[in-house]
């Protein structure tokens, strides 16, 4: 078994302090996106949701939405490659000298995933009992961003790993993913603050896991 990787907490020097990604990029991870038909993400998601409804599937299921997003971005990447090829650049041949480690090889990812799984176990029990908090925006936000957090944590760990291993021009995604993680943590903390107010049978567990998130948040922000 490969040893777990602990990333050094040395900050990566970046050329830009703020991300300059197009607005539609946020629609690829936010629970409530812009919803505009002209948006490269939302417009395509709307069409995908119509297909899911016709097939009797839940269009708001997180796993289904993430699969849709993955397919959408694969399509966008194909279009970018075609455009680049018309200009004489074959970006399909541009590869990293070495691929980043698997998710399980990063200690921090494992901790974040463990936190997410423990919270979903608690959430499942509240859903079975149909507690009042289940029908709140805070509950929907929590489920959504708890799923996104380990995904984006791994993405950022890979970004840092690639920068440390000499991959050029990766600053852009590093800065943008930092923005995404900041926003996810903000949404999660706000959702937990609301959910802990309810007189739930799991209230003490919400409090314990909120404290755990505070610890993880410090580590995530150090990536």
Protein backbone atom coordinates (compact mmCIF):
# COMPACT_ATOMS: atom_id res chain seq x y z
CA UNK A 1 0.00 0.00 0.00
CA UNK A 2 1.36 3.41 -0.96
CA UNK A 3 2.18 5.73 1.96
CA UNK A 4 -0.23 8.57 2.64
CA UNK A 5 0.95 11.91 1.35
CA UNK A 6 1.06 14.87 3.67
CA UNK A 7 1.44 18.10 1.73
CA UNK A 8 3.93 20.59 3.10
CA UNK A 9 2.20 23.68 4.43
CA UNK A 10 4.51 26.00 2.53
CA UNK A 11 2.46 28.50 0.57
CA UNK A 12 2.64 28.37 -3.19
CA UNK A 13 3.62 31.70 -4.73
CA UNK A 14 1.12 32.81 -7.34
CA UNK A 15 1.19 35.49 -9.96
CA UNK A 16 -2.39 36.60 -9.26
CA UNK A 17 -4.18 37.24 -6.00
CA UNK A 18 -7.73 37.08 -7.37
CA UNK A 19 -9.28 34.57 -9.73
CA UNK A 20 -10.44 35.89 -13.08
CA UNK A 21 -12.53 32.94 -14.23
CA UNK A 22 -15.71 33.65 -16.24
CA UNK A 23 -18.90 33.92 -14.19
CA UNK A 24 -20.37 30.76 -15.69
CA UNK A 25 -17.62 28.67 -14.06
CA UNK A 26 -19.34 29.11 -10.69
CA UNK A 27 -22.40 27.41 -12.15
CA UNK A 28 -20.37 24.19 -12.35
CA UNK A 29 -20.41 23.74 -8.56
CA UNK A 30 -22.98 26.05 -6.92
CA UNK A 31 -26.28 24.50 -5.82
CA UNK A 32 -28.18 27.51 -7.10
CA UNK A 33 -26.65 28.55 -10.42
CA UNK A 34 -27.55 31.51 -12.66
CA UNK A 35 -30.10 29.43 -14.61
CA UNK A 36 -29.69 31.40 -17.82
CA UNK A 37 -30.26 29.57 -21.11
CA UNK A 38 -27.26 31.35 -22.61
CA UNK A 39 -24.94 30.04 -19.87
CA UNK A 40 -22.56 27.30 -21.20
CA UNK A 41 -23.32 25.24 -18.07
CA UNK A 42 -26.90 26.09 -17.07
CA UNK A 43 -28.25 25.99 -20.62
CA UNK A 44 -26.90 22.48 -21.13
CA UNK A 45 -27.96 21.33 -17.64
CA UNK A 46 -31.52 22.49 -18.35
CA UNK A 47 -31.64 20.24 -21.40
CA UNK A 48 -30.16 17.33 -19.44
CA UNK A 49 -32.76 17.77 -16.66
CA UNK A 50 -35.56 17.60 -19.21
CA UNK A 51 -34.13 14.26 -20.38
CA UNK A 52 -33.95 12.92 -16.80
CA UNK A 53 -37.56 13.91 -16.11
CA UNK A 54 -38.70 12.10 -19.25
CA UNK A 55 -36.78 9.02 -18.08
CA UNK A 56 -38.40 9.15 -14.63
CA UNK A 57 -35.15 10.13 -12.88
CA UNK A 58 -34.60 12.76 -10.18
CA UNK A 59 -32.92 15.70 -12.01
CA UNK A 60 -31.84 17.26 -8.70
CA UNK A 61 -29.90 14.23 -7.44
CA UNK A 62 -26.33 15.34 -6.67
CA UNK A 63 -24.69 12.31 -8.33
CA UNK A 64 -26.76 12.77 -11.50
CA UNK A 65 -25.97 16.49 -11.62
CA UNK A 66 -22.24 15.89 -11.16
CA UNK A 67 -22.30 13.29 -13.95
CA UNK A 68 -24.05 15.81 -16.19
CA UNK A 69 -21.46 18.45 -15.35
CA UNK A 70 -18.65 16.03 -16.12
CA UNK A 71 -20.14 15.28 -19.54
CA UNK A 72 -20.72 18.98 -20.20
CA UNK A 73 -17.12 19.87 -19.45
CA UNK A 74 -15.88 17.00 -21.59
CA UNK A 75 -17.90 18.53 -24.44
CA UNK A 76 -16.46 21.99 -23.71
CA UNK A 77 -12.94 20.52 -23.67
CA UNK A 78 -13.55 18.80 -27.02
CA UNK A 79 -14.67 22.13 -28.49
CA UNK A 80 -11.58 23.85 -27.10
CA UNK A 81 -9.34 21.18 -28.64
CA UNK A 82 -11.06 21.57 -32.02
CA UNK A 83 -10.65 25.33 -31.88
CA UNK A 84 -6.98 25.02 -30.92
CA UNK A 85 -6.35 22.51 -33.72
CA UNK A 86 -7.68 24.95 -36.34
CA UNK A 87 -4.94 27.31 -35.13
CA UNK A 88 -2.27 24.65 -35.48
CA UNK A 89 -2.05 23.65 -31.82
CA UNK A 90 -2.80 20.04 -30.81
CA UNK A 91 -3.38 20.33 -27.05
CA UNK A 92 -4.34 16.64 -26.84
CA UNK A 93 -0.61 15.85 -26.97
CA UNK A 94 0.17 18.11 -24.01
CA UNK A 95 0.51 15.83 -20.97
CA UNK A 96 2.00 16.08 -17.51
CA UNK A 97 5.33 14.36 -16.95
CA UNK A 98 3.69 12.52 -14.07
CA UNK A 99 0.09 12.11 -12.96
CA UNK A 100 -0.99 13.35 -9.49
CA UNK A 101 -1.47 10.75 -6.73
CA UNK A 102 -4.85 9.04 -6.26
CA UNK A 103 -7.29 10.68 -3.79
CA UNK A 104 -6.66 8.09 -1.07
CA UNK A 105 -2.95 8.92 -1.07
CA UNK A 106 -3.63 12.39 0.34
CA UNK A 107 -4.14 12.35 4.12
CA UNK A 108 -6.23 15.52 4.10
CA UNK A 109 -8.57 14.18 1.43
CA UNK A 110 -9.13 11.05 3.53
CA UNK A 111 -10.03 13.18 6.56
CA UNK A 112 -12.43 15.37 4.58
CA UNK A 113 -14.07 12.31 2.99
CA UNK A 114 -14.39 10.68 6.42
CA UNK A 115 -16.09 13.83 7.76
CA UNK A 116 -18.47 13.91 4.80
CA UNK A 117 -19.41 10.24 5.25
CA UNK A 118 -20.05 10.65 8.98
CA UNK A 119 -22.29 13.65 8.32
CA UNK A 120 -24.27 11.80 5.66
CA UNK A 121 -24.89 8.98 8.13
CA UNK A 122 -26.44 11.55 10.49
CA UNK A 123 -28.36 13.19 7.66
CA UNK A 124 -29.83 9.84 6.62
CA UNK A 125 -31.25 9.34 10.11
CA UNK A 126 -32.90 12.78 10.10
CA UNK A 127 -34.45 12.03 6.70
CA UNK A 128 -35.85 8.69 7.89
CA UNK A 129 -37.49 10.44 10.86
CA UNK A 130 -38.67 13.30 8.62
CA UNK A 131 -37.42 15.91 11.03
CA UNK A 132 -38.35 19.55 10.40
CA UNK A 133 -34.83 20.59 9.44
CA UNK A 134 -34.98 18.28 6.41
CA UNK A 135 -37.32 20.74 4.68
CA UNK A 136 -35.03 23.78 4.90
CA UNK A 137 -32.72 25.52 2.45
CA UNK A 138 -29.92 25.05 4.97
CA UNK A 139 -30.39 21.27 4.78
CA UNK A 140 -30.25 21.30 0.96
CA UNK A 141 -27.17 23.52 1.04
CA UNK A 142 -25.46 21.26 3.54
CA UNK A 143 -26.00 18.07 1.53
CA UNK A 144 -24.83 19.75 -1.67
CA UNK A 145 -21.65 21.39 -0.37
CA UNK A 146 -20.70 18.47 1.87
CA UNK A 147 -20.55 16.42 -1.35
CA UNK A 148 -18.58 19.10 -3.19
CA UNK A 149 -15.98 19.66 -0.44
CA UNK A 150 -13.94 16.43 -0.80
CA UNK A 151 -14.02 16.72 -4.59
CA UNK A 152 -12.63 20.24 -4.58
CA UNK A 153 -10.19 19.45 -1.77
CA UNK A 154 -8.67 16.71 -3.93
CA UNK A 155 -8.62 19.06 -6.91
CA UNK A 156 -6.65 21.63 -4.92
CA UNK A 157 -4.26 19.03 -3.52
CA UNK A 158 -3.55 17.97 -7.10
CA UNK A 159 -3.06 21.59 -8.17
CA UNK A 160 -0.52 22.14 -5.42
CA UNK A 161 1.19 18.83 -6.16
CA UNK A 162 1.49 19.72 -9.85
CA UNK A 163 2.87 23.20 -9.12
CA UNK A 164 5.41 21.74 -6.71
CA UNK A 165 6.41 19.22 -9.39
CA UNK A 166 7.09 21.84 -12.01
CA UNK A 167 3.87 21.95 -14.01
CA UNK A 168 3.64 25.40 -15.54
CA UNK A 169 0.55 27.56 -16.05
CA UNK A 170 -1.38 25.83 -13.25
CA UNK A 171 -1.69 28.96 -11.10
CA UNK A 172 -5.03 29.85 -12.69
CA UNK A 173 -6.84 26.72 -11.51
CA UNK A 174 -5.14 26.86 -8.11
CA UNK A 175 -6.44 30.38 -7.47
CA UNK A 176 -9.92 29.56 -8.76
CA UNK A 177 -10.22 26.35 -6.73
CA UNK A 178 -9.15 28.29 -3.64
CA UNK A 179 -12.11 30.60 -4.29
CA UNK A 180 -14.43 27.58 -4.68
CA UNK A 181 -13.25 26.02 -1.42
CA UNK A 182 -13.68 29.33 0.43
CA UNK A 183 -17.25 29.58 -0.82
CA UNK A 184 -18.07 25.93 -0.04
CA UNK A 185 -16.78 26.32 3.52
CA UNK A 186 -18.80 29.49 3.94
CA UNK A 187 -22.00 27.78 2.77
CA UNK A 188 -21.34 24.74 4.99
CA UNK A 189 -20.71 26.82 8.11
CA UNK A 190 -23.84 28.89 7.50
CA UNK A 191 -25.92 25.74 6.93
CA UNK A 192 -24.59 24.04 10.07
CA UNK A 193 -25.23 27.17 12.16
CA UNK A 194 -28.89 26.99 11.10
CA UNK A 195 -29.29 23.22 11.47
CA UNK A 196 -27.85 23.22 15.00
CA UNK A 197 -30.66 25.50 16.15
CA UNK A 198 -33.29 22.82 15.51
CA UNK A 199 -34.28 20.53 18.36
CA UNK A 200 -33.13 17.45 16.47
CA UNK A 201 -32.31 14.06 17.99
CA UNK A 202 -28.95 14.47 16.23
CA UNK A 203 -28.27 17.98 17.53
CA UNK A 204 -25.26 16.96 19.61
CA UNK A 205 -23.76 15.19 16.59
CA UNK A 206 -24.25 18.29 14.43
CA UNK A 207 -22.35 20.28 17.06
CA UNK A 208 -19.52 17.74 17.22
CA UNK A 209 -19.17 17.61 13.44
CA UNK A 210 -19.32 21.40 13.18
CA UNK A 211 -16.28 21.51 15.46
CA UNK A 212 -14.57 18.90 13.28
CA UNK A 213 -15.23 21.03 10.22
CA UNK A 214 -13.55 24.00 11.92
CA UNK A 215 -10.37 21.93 12.28
CA UNK A 216 -10.54 20.69 8.68
CA UNK A 217 -11.21 24.21 7.44
CA UNK A 218 -7.87 25.39 8.80
CA UNK A 219 -6.06 22.57 7.01
CA UNK A 220 -7.95 23.07 3.75
CA UNK A 221 -7.11 26.78 3.68
CA UNK A 222 -3.41 25.90 4.06
CA UNK A 223 -3.33 23.89 0.84
